[in-house]
Amino acid sequence: MMGGLGLTLLNRSWLGVTLTNQGYYFLLYAIKLLRGIKLCIYCFKRLQRRFQTPFQKAISINDNFRIGINAWLTPVFTNSIISALSSHFPDLEYTFITPTDVN
């Protein structure tokens, strides 16, 4: 994973493994991102129950849910996001966008 990011996240030695400054920042960002995903799933489920409408109709933007993510995080988190959405919303159509994709 570190090679794909071009960052050194961990220091490995005979004494153990520690986070680098970049690793610490990355860990905090990853935790924040995963909490945000869990919160979104919780909110979407509440919306679905509250309005008793299919989830896709409640969030549809041209029949596609858009997920904004920084380009450098895409290789790291895309599979986790896809897995979470697929397990909770198997029929949801979505697109990942990066800041350069937004007009």
N, C-alpha and C. Protein backbone atom coordinates (compact mmCIF):
# COMPACT_ATOMS: atom_id res chain seq x y z
N MET A 1 0.82 -1.19 0.00
CA MET A 1 0.00 0.00 0.00
C MET A 1 0.87 1.25 0.00
N MET A 2 1.93 1.27 0.81
CA MET A 2 2.77 2.47 0.89
C MET A 2 3.39 2.79 -0.47
N GLY A 3 3.77 1.76 -1.21
CA GLY A 3 4.37 1.99 -2.52
C GLY A 3 3.41 2.68 -3.46
N GLY A 4 2.14 2.31 -3.39
CA GLY A 4 1.12 2.92 -4.24
C GLY A 4 0.88 4.38 -3.91
N LEU A 5 1.08 4.73 -2.66
CA LEU A 5 0.89 6.12 -2.24
C LEU A 5 2.13 6.97 -2.42
N GLY A 6 3.29 6.31 -2.46
CA GLY A 6 4.54 7.05 -2.53
C GLY A 6 4.90 7.68 -1.19
N LEU A 7 4.37 7.14 -0.11
CA LEU A 7 4.63 7.65 1.23
C LEU A 7 5.22 6.55 2.10
N THR A 8 5.97 6.95 3.11
CA THR A 8 6.43 6.00 4.12
C THR A 8 5.54 6.19 5.33
N LEU A 9 4.73 5.20 5.63
CA LEU A 9 3.78 5.31 6.73
C LEU A 9 4.29 4.68 8.01
N LEU A 10 5.20 3.70 7.88
CA LEU A 10 5.68 2.96 9.05
C LEU A 10 7.20 2.93 9.10
N ASN A 11 7.72 2.99 10.31
CA ASN A 11 9.14 2.74 10.55
C ASN A 11 9.24 1.34 11.16
N ARG A 12 10.00 0.48 10.53
CA ARG A 12 10.17 -0.89 11.04
C ARG A 12 11.60 -1.04 11.55
N SER A 13 11.72 -1.63 12.73
CA SER A 13 13.05 -1.90 13.29
C SER A 13 12.94 -3.12 14.18
N TRP A 14 14.07 -3.52 14.77
CA TRP A 14 14.07 -4.65 15.69
C TRP A 14 13.26 -4.33 16.94
N LEU A 15 13.06 -3.07 17.22
CA LEU A 15 12.30 -2.66 18.40
C LEU A 15 10.79 -2.68 18.16
N GLY A 16 10.39 -2.78 16.90
CA GLY A 16 8.96 -2.82 16.59
C GLY A 16 8.62 -1.95 15.41
N VAL A 17 7.36 -1.62 15.30
CA VAL A 17 6.85 -0.81 14.21
C VAL A 17 6.21 0.44 14.80
N THR A 18 6.56 1.59 14.23
CA THR A 18 5.98 2.86 14.67
C THR A 18 5.51 3.63 13.45
N LEU A 19 4.59 4.55 13.69
CA LEU A 19 4.10 5.40 12.61
C LEU A 19 5.07 6.54 12.33
N THR A 20 5.24 6.87 11.07
CA THR A 20 5.97 8.09 10.70
C THR A 20 5.01 9.26 10.88
N ASN A 21 5.49 10.47 10.71
CA ASN A 21 4.58 11.63 10.74
C ASN A 21 3.53 11.51 9.66
N GLN A 22 3.94 11.07 8.46
CA GLN A 22 2.98 10.86 7.37
C GLN A 22 2.00 9.75 7.73
N GLY A 23 2.48 8.70 8.36
CA GLY A 23 1.63 7.59 8.77
C GLY A 23 0.61 8.00 9.81
N TYR A 24 1.02 8.84 10.74
CA TYR A 24 0.11 9.34 11.76
C TYR A 24 -0.99 10.17 11.12
N TYR A 25 -0.62 11.08 10.22
CA TYR A 25 -1.60 11.91 9.52
C TYR A 25 -2.54 11.02 8.71
N PHE A 26 -1.98 10.06 8.00
CA PHE A 26 -2.77 9.16 7.17
C PHE A 26 -3.76 8.36 8.03
N LEU A 27 -3.31 7.86 9.18
CA LEU A 27 -4.17 7.08 10.07
C LEU A 27 -5.35 7.93 10.55
N LEU A 28 -5.08 9.15 10.97
CA LEU A 28 -6.15 10.04 11.42
C LEU A 28 -7.15 10.30 10.30
N TYR A 29 -6.63 10.54 9.10
CA TYR A 29 -7.49 10.79 7.95
C TYR A 29 -8.31 9.54 7.61
N ALA A 30 -7.70 8.38 7.66
CA ALA A 30 -8.39 7.12 7.35
C ALA A 30 -9.50 6.86 8.36
N ILE A 31 -9.22 7.08 9.63
CA ILE A 31 -10.24 6.88 10.67
C ILE A 31 -11.41 7.84 10.45
N LYS A 32 -11.10 9.08 10.15
CA LYS A 32 -12.14 10.08 9.90
C LYS A 32 -12.98 9.68 8.68
N LEU A 33 -12.33 9.21 7.63
CA LEU A 33 -13.04 8.80 6.42
C LEU A 33 -13.96 7.61 6.70
N LEU A 34 -13.46 6.61 7.40
CA LEU A 34 -14.27 5.43 7.70
C LEU A 34 -15.44 5.77 8.63
N ARG A 35 -15.23 6.66 9.58
CA ARG A 35 -16.35 7.10 10.44
C ARG A 35 -17.39 7.84 9.61
N GLY A 36 -16.93 8.64 8.66
CA GLY A 36 -17.85 9.35 7.78
C GLY A 36 -18.68 8.39 6.94
N ILE A 37 -18.06 7.34 6.45
CA ILE A 37 -18.78 6.34 5.65
C ILE A 37 -19.84 5.65 6.52
N LYS A 38 -19.45 5.27 7.74
CA LYS A 38 -20.42 4.62 8.64
C LYS A 38 -21.58 5.56 8.96
N LEU A 39 -21.28 6.85 9.18
CA LEU A 39 -22.33 7.82 9.46
C LEU A 39 -23.26 7.97 8.26
N CYS A 40 -22.70 8.02 7.05
CA CYS A 40 -23.51 8.11 5.84
C CYS A 40 -24.44 6.91 5.72
N ILE A 41 -23.92 5.73 5.94
CA ILE A 41 -24.74 4.51 5.85
C ILE A 41 -25.87 4.58 6.87
N TYR A 42 -25.55 5.00 8.10
CA TYR A 42 -26.57 5.13 9.15
C TYR A 42 -27.66 6.13 8.72
N CYS A 43 -27.24 7.29 8.22
CA CYS A 43 -28.20 8.32 7.79
C CYS A 43 -29.05 7.86 6.62
N PHE A 44 -28.43 7.20 5.65
CA PHE A 44 -29.18 6.71 4.50
C PHE A 44 -30.22 5.69 4.92
N LYS A 45 -29.86 4.82 5.85
CA LYS A 45 -30.82 3.82 6.33
C LYS A 45 -31.98 4.49 7.06
N ARG A 46 -31.68 5.52 7.85
CA ARG A 46 -32.75 6.25 8.54
C ARG A 46 -33.66 6.94 7.54
N LEU A 47 -33.07 7.54 6.51
CA LEU A 47 -33.89 8.18 5.48
C LEU A 47 -34.79 7.17 4.78
N GLN A 48 -34.23 6.03 4.48
CA GLN A 48 -34.99 4.99 3.79
C GLN A 48 -36.18 4.56 4.64
N ARG A 49 -35.97 4.35 5.93
CA ARG A 49 -37.07 3.94 6.82
C ARG A 49 -38.08 5.07 6.99
N ARG A 50 -37.59 6.29 7.12
CA ARG A 50 -38.47 7.43 7.41
C ARG A 50 -39.42 7.72 6.26
N PHE A 51 -38.91 7.68 5.05
CA PHE A 51 -39.74 8.06 3.91
C PHE A 51 -40.33 6.86 3.18
N GLN A 52 -39.92 5.67 3.56
CA GLN A 52 -40.44 4.45 2.96
C GLN A 52 -40.38 4.49 1.43
N THR A 53 -39.28 5.04 0.93
CA THR A 53 -39.06 5.04 -0.50
C THR A 53 -37.78 4.28 -0.78
N PRO A 54 -37.64 3.74 -1.97
CA PRO A 54 -36.38 3.06 -2.28
C PRO A 54 -35.20 4.01 -2.11
N PHE A 55 -34.12 3.47 -1.60
CA PHE A 55 -32.93 4.27 -1.33
C PHE A 55 -32.47 5.05 -2.55
N GLN A 56 -32.46 4.41 -3.72
CA GLN A 56 -31.96 5.10 -4.92
C GLN A 56 -32.81 6.32 -5.25
N LYS A 57 -34.11 6.25 -5.04
CA LYS A 57 -34.96 7.41 -5.32
C LYS A 57 -34.66 8.55 -4.36
N ALA A 58 -34.35 8.21 -3.11
CA ALA A 58 -34.10 9.25 -2.11
C ALA A 58 -32.82 10.03 -2.38
N ILE A 59 -31.82 9.43 -2.98
CA ILE A 59 -30.54 10.11 -3.17
C ILE A 59 -30.17 10.27 -4.63
N SER A 60 -31.09 9.97 -5.51
CA SER A 60 -30.77 9.93 -6.94
C SER A 60 -30.39 11.30 -7.48
N ILE A 61 -29.25 11.34 -8.13
CA ILE A 61 -28.83 12.49 -8.93
C ILE A 61 -28.49 11.90 -10.29
N ASN A 62 -29.41 12.06 -11.21
CA ASN A 62 -29.25 11.41 -12.52
C ASN A 62 -29.06 9.89 -12.35
N ASP A 63 -29.80 9.32 -11.40
CA ASP A 63 -29.74 7.88 -11.13
C ASP A 63 -28.34 7.40 -10.76
N ASN A 64 -27.53 8.27 -10.17
CA ASN A 64 -26.18 7.87 -9.81
C ASN A 64 -25.75 8.62 -8.55
N PHE A 65 -25.27 7.89 -7.56
CA PHE A 65 -24.77 8.45 -6.31
C PHE A 65 -23.31 8.81 -6.53
N ARG A 66 -22.93 10.05 -6.22
CA ARG A 66 -21.55 10.50 -6.44
C ARG A 66 -20.79 10.52 -5.13
N ILE A 67 -19.59 9.94 -5.14
CA ILE A 67 -18.74 9.88 -3.95
C ILE A 67 -17.48 10.66 -4.25
N GLY A 68 -17.26 11.75 -3.51
CA GLY A 68 -16.06 12.55 -3.69
C GLY A 68 -14.92 12.02 -2.84
N ILE A 69 -13.75 11.89 -3.45
CA ILE A 69 -12.58 11.38 -2.72
C ILE A 69 -11.32 11.98 -3.36
N ASN A 70 -10.34 12.29 -2.52
CA ASN A 70 -9.07 12.79 -3.04
C ASN A 70 -8.41 11.73 -3.91
N ALA A 71 -7.83 12.16 -5.00
CA ALA A 71 -7.23 11.22 -5.96
C ALA A 71 -6.17 10.32 -5.32
N TRP A 72 -5.36 10.84 -4.40
CA TRP A 72 -4.30 10.03 -3.81
C TRP A 72 -4.84 9.00 -2.84
N LEU A 73 -6.09 9.14 -2.39
CA LEU A 73 -6.69 8.15 -1.50
C LEU A 73 -7.49 7.08 -2.25
N THR A 74 -7.78 7.34 -3.50
CA THR A 74 -8.61 6.41 -4.27
C THR A 74 -8.07 4.98 -4.26
N PRO A 75 -6.78 4.73 -4.53
CA PRO A 75 -6.31 3.34 -4.53
C PRO A 75 -6.40 2.66 -3.17
N VAL A 76 -6.40 3.45 -2.12
CA VAL A 76 -6.38 2.89 -0.78
C VAL A 76 -7.79 2.57 -0.28
N PHE A 77 -8.75 3.46 -0.51
CA PHE A 77 -10.06 3.32 0.10
C PHE A 77 -11.17 2.85 -0.83
N THR A 78 -10.93 2.85 -2.12
CA THR A 78 -12.00 2.49 -3.05
C THR A 78 -12.58 1.11 -2.74
N ASN A 79 -11.74 0.11 -2.53
CA ASN A 79 -12.25 -1.24 -2.27
C ASN A 79 -13.07 -1.30 -0.99
N SER A 80 -12.66 -0.58 0.06
CA SER A 80 -13.41 -0.56 1.32
C SER A 80 -14.77 0.09 1.14
N ILE A 81 -14.80 1.19 0.40
CA ILE A 81 -16.06 1.88 0.16
C ILE A 81 -16.99 1.00 -0.67
N ILE A 82 -16.46 0.40 -1.72
CA ILE A 82 -17.27 -0.48 -2.57
C ILE A 82 -17.82 -1.64 -1.76
N SER A 83 -16.99 -2.22 -0.91
CA SER A 83 -17.43 -3.34 -0.09
C SER A 83 -18.56 -2.94 0.85
N ALA A 84 -18.40 -1.79 1.52
CA ALA A 84 -19.44 -1.33 2.45
C ALA A 84 -20.74 -1.02 1.73
N LEU A 85 -20.65 -0.31 0.61
CA LEU A 85 -21.87 0.02 -0.13
C LEU A 85 -22.53 -1.23 -0.71
N SER A 86 -21.73 -2.15 -1.22
CA SER A 86 -22.29 -3.37 -1.81
C SER A 86 -23.01 -4.22 -0.78
N SER A 87 -22.48 -4.28 0.43
CA SER A 87 -23.12 -5.11 1.45
C SER A 87 -24.39 -4.47 1.99
N HIS A 88 -24.44 -3.13 2.08
CA HIS A 88 -25.61 -2.45 2.63
C HIS A 88 -26.61 -2.03 1.55
N PHE A 89 -26.14 -1.72 0.35
CA PHE A 89 -27.00 -1.23 -0.72
C PHE A 89 -26.60 -1.89 -2.04
N PRO A 90 -26.90 -3.17 -2.21
CA PRO A 90 -26.41 -3.92 -3.37
C PRO A 90 -26.89 -3.39 -4.72
N ASP A 91 -28.00 -2.69 -4.77
CA ASP A 91 -28.52 -2.20 -6.05
C ASP A 91 -28.15 -0.75 -6.35
N LEU A 92 -27.37 -0.14 -5.48
CA LEU A 92 -27.00 1.26 -5.64
C LEU A 92 -26.00 1.44 -6.77
N GLU A 93 -26.27 2.41 -7.64
CA GLU A 93 -25.31 2.78 -8.68
C GLU A 93 -24.56 4.01 -8.18
N TYR A 94 -23.24 4.02 -8.32
CA TYR A 94 -22.44 5.12 -7.81
C TYR A 94 -21.25 5.38 -8.70
N THR A 95 -20.69 6.57 -8.53
CA THR A 95 -19.51 7.00 -9.27
C THR A 95 -18.56 7.68 -8.30
N PHE A 96 -17.29 7.39 -8.41
CA PHE A 96 -16.28 8.10 -7.62
C PHE A 96 -15.82 9.32 -8.42
N ILE A 97 -15.75 10.45 -7.74
CA ILE A 97 -15.25 11.66 -8.38
C ILE A 97 -14.11 12.21 -7.54
N THR A 98 -13.19 12.89 -8.19
CA THR A 98 -12.08 13.55 -7.50
C THR A 98 -12.22 15.05 -7.74
N PRO A 99 -11.52 15.88 -6.97
CA PRO A 99 -11.66 17.32 -7.15
C PRO A 99 -11.44 17.79 -8.60
N THR A 100 -10.63 17.09 -9.36
CA THR A 100 -10.43 17.49 -10.75
C THR A 100 -11.62 17.13 -11.63
N ASP A 101 -12.50 16.21 -11.15
CA ASP A 101 -13.69 15.83 -11.90
C ASP A 101 -14.83 16.81 -11.72
N VAL A 102 -14.79 17.61 -10.66
CA VAL A 102 -15.91 18.48 -10.30
C VAL A 102 -15.81 19.76 -11.11
N ASN A 103 -16.93 20.14 -11.72
CA ASN A 103 -16.97 21.40 -12.49
C ASN A 103 -17.63 22.49 -11.69
